[in-house]
Amino acid sequence: MLILLLNVSLKFSTVRLLFIPVYWGTFSVALFSLGEEISQYFIPSRTFDLLDLVADAGGILTFTLITWCLAFWLVRRTPK
């Protein structure tokens, strides 16, 4: 949900990563999630779990797709 809110608030702006446009909201949440999951490996009271990382990736992909559909729908609805 955070990805969708960030992408809408950033007006669907993108950054190019290896010639692929990626929404800023998606990029920032993915980077944060990856950093947070990796940091759990180094904190004794936390545990690193690969399934958590897979679940994060699933949510990131799902809400990025929803963002893309919303942006596409808004562009089509905008009167010319």
C-alpha atoms as a PDB file:
ATOM      1  CA  MET A   1       0.000   0.000   0.000  1.00  0.00           C
ATOM      2  CA  LEU A   2       2.907   2.314   0.773  1.00  0.00           C
ATOM      3  CA  ILE A   3       4.181   1.879  -2.779  1.00  0.00           C
ATOM      4  CA  LEU A   4       0.856   2.924  -4.265  1.00  0.00           C
ATOM      5  CA  LEU A   5       0.588   5.980  -2.001  1.00  0.00           C
ATOM      6  CA  LEU A   6       4.168   7.052  -2.711  1.00  0.00           C
ATOM      7  CA  ASN A   7       3.847   6.595  -6.460  1.00  0.00           C
ATOM      8  CA  VAL A   8       0.627   8.607  -6.590  1.00  0.00           C
ATOM      9  CA  SER A   9       2.016  11.359  -4.349  1.00  0.00           C
ATOM     10  CA  LEU A  10       5.160  11.528  -6.518  1.00  0.00           C
ATOM     11  CA  LYS A  11       2.903  11.810  -9.594  1.00  0.00           C
ATOM     12  CA  PHE A  12       4.106   8.513 -11.046  1.00  0.00           C
ATOM     13  CA  SER A  13       7.661   9.820 -11.537  1.00  0.00           C
ATOM     14  CA  THR A  14      10.261   7.270 -12.575  1.00  0.00           C
ATOM     15  CA  VAL A  15      13.984   6.660 -12.464  1.00  0.00           C
ATOM     16  CA  ARG A  16      15.865   4.627 -15.075  1.00  0.00           C
ATOM     17  CA  LEU A  17      17.663   1.527 -13.806  1.00  0.00           C
ATOM     18  CA  LEU A  18      19.541  -0.315 -16.542  1.00  0.00           C
ATOM     19  CA  PHE A  19      17.331   1.327 -19.179  1.00  0.00           C
ATOM     20  CA  ILE A  20      14.161   0.229 -17.379  1.00  0.00           C
ATOM     21  CA  PRO A  21      11.871   2.921 -15.943  1.00  0.00           C
ATOM     22  CA  VAL A  22      11.027   2.198 -12.283  1.00  0.00           C
ATOM     23  CA  TYR A  23       8.639   4.245 -10.183  1.00  0.00           C
ATOM     24  CA  TRP A  24      10.401   6.238  -7.452  1.00  0.00           C
ATOM     25  CA  GLY A  25       7.990   4.945  -4.823  1.00  0.00           C
ATOM     26  CA  THR A  26       8.646   1.356  -5.845  1.00  0.00           C
ATOM     27  CA  PHE A  27      12.405   1.911  -5.878  1.00  0.00           C
ATOM     28  CA  SER A  28      12.495   3.535  -2.451  1.00  0.00           C
ATOM     29  CA  VAL A  29      10.255   0.951  -0.745  1.00  0.00           C
ATOM     30  CA  ALA A  30      12.148  -1.942  -2.359  1.00  0.00           C
ATOM     31  CA  LEU A  31      15.460  -0.495  -1.218  1.00  0.00           C
ATOM     32  CA  PHE A  32      14.139   0.047   2.301  1.00  0.00           C
ATOM     33  CA  SER A  33      12.632  -3.457   2.488  1.00  0.00           C
ATOM     34  CA  LEU A  34      15.821  -5.079   1.281  1.00  0.00           C
ATOM     35  CA  GLY A  35      17.919  -3.104   3.755  1.00  0.00           C
ATOM     36  CA  GLU A  36      15.565  -3.900   6.609  1.00  0.00           C
ATOM     37  CA  GLU A  37      15.551  -7.628   5.863  1.00  0.00           C
ATOM     38  CA  ILE A  38      19.337  -7.769   5.509  1.00  0.00           C
ATOM     39  CA  SER A  39      19.825  -5.815   8.742  1.00  0.00           C
ATOM     40  CA  GLN A  40      17.865  -8.508  10.611  1.00  0.00           C
ATOM     41  CA  TYR A  41      20.713 -10.914   9.922  1.00  0.00           C
ATOM     42  CA  PHE A  42      23.032  -8.764  12.058  1.00  0.00           C
ATOM     43  CA  ILE A  43      20.639  -8.092  14.963  1.00  0.00           C
ATOM     44  CA  PRO A  44      20.700 -10.939  17.538  1.00  0.00           C
ATOM     45  CA  SER A  45      17.064 -10.513  18.597  1.00  0.00           C
ATOM     46  CA  ARG A  46      15.814 -10.668  14.984  1.00  0.00           C
ATOM     47  CA  THR A  47      15.995 -13.422  12.394  1.00  0.00           C
ATOM     48  CA  PHE A  48      16.584 -13.202   8.674  1.00  0.00           C
ATOM     49  CA  ASP A  49      13.979 -15.153   6.731  1.00  0.00           C
ATOM     50  CA  LEU A  50      14.097 -15.630   2.982  1.00  0.00           C
ATOM     51  CA  LEU A  51      10.319 -16.112   2.901  1.00  0.00           C
ATOM     52  CA  ASP A  52       9.883 -12.598   4.337  1.00  0.00           C
ATOM     53  CA  LEU A  53      11.979 -11.290   1.465  1.00  0.00           C
ATOM     54  CA  VAL A  54       9.855 -13.238  -1.033  1.00  0.00           C
ATOM     55  CA  ALA A  55       6.679 -11.866   0.567  1.00  0.00           C
ATOM     56  CA  ASP A  56       8.088  -8.327   0.341  1.00  0.00           C
ATOM     57  CA  ALA A  57       8.891  -8.876  -3.340  1.00  0.00           C
ATOM     58  CA  GLY A  58       5.363 -10.168  -3.971  1.00  0.00           C
ATOM     59  CA  GLY A  59       3.812  -7.091  -2.376  1.00  0.00           C
ATOM     60  CA  ILE A  60       6.181  -4.801  -4.239  1.00  0.00           C
ATOM     61  CA  LEU A  61       5.322  -6.405  -7.573  1.00  0.00           C
ATOM     62  CA  THR A  62       1.588  -6.435  -6.850  1.00  0.00           C
ATOM     63  CA  PHE A  63       1.350  -2.774  -5.907  1.00  0.00           C
ATOM     64  CA  THR A  64       3.696  -1.727  -8.698  1.00  0.00           C
ATOM     65  CA  LEU A  65       1.332  -3.422 -11.143  1.00  0.00           C
ATOM     66  CA  ILE A  66      -1.642  -1.676  -9.517  1.00  0.00           C
ATOM     67  CA  THR A  67       0.241   1.624  -9.805  1.00  0.00           C
ATOM     68  CA  TRP A  68       0.960   0.991 -13.473  1.00  0.00           C
ATOM     69  CA  CYS A  69      -2.721   0.168 -14.159  1.00  0.00           C
ATOM     70  CA  LEU A  70      -3.867   3.283 -12.296  1.00  0.00           C
ATOM     71  CA  ALA A  71      -1.426   5.506 -14.181  1.00  0.00           C
ATOM     72  CA  PHE A  72      -2.510   3.971 -17.494  1.00  0.00           C
ATOM     73  CA  TRP A  73      -6.195   4.446 -16.607  1.00  0.00           C
ATOM     74  CA  LEU A  74      -5.652   8.076 -15.569  1.00  0.00           C
ATOM     75  CA  VAL A  75      -3.817   8.865 -18.805  1.00  0.00           C
ATOM     76  CA  ARG A  76      -6.643   7.346 -20.866  1.00  0.00           C
ATOM     77  CA  ARG A  77      -9.297   9.299 -18.918  1.00  0.00           C
ATOM     78  CA  THR A  78      -7.527  12.630 -19.296  1.00  0.00           C
ATOM     79  CA  PRO A  79      -9.313  14.664 -21.966  1.00  0.00           C
ATOM     80  CA  LYS A  80      -7.156  15.745 -24.874  1.00  0.00           C
END
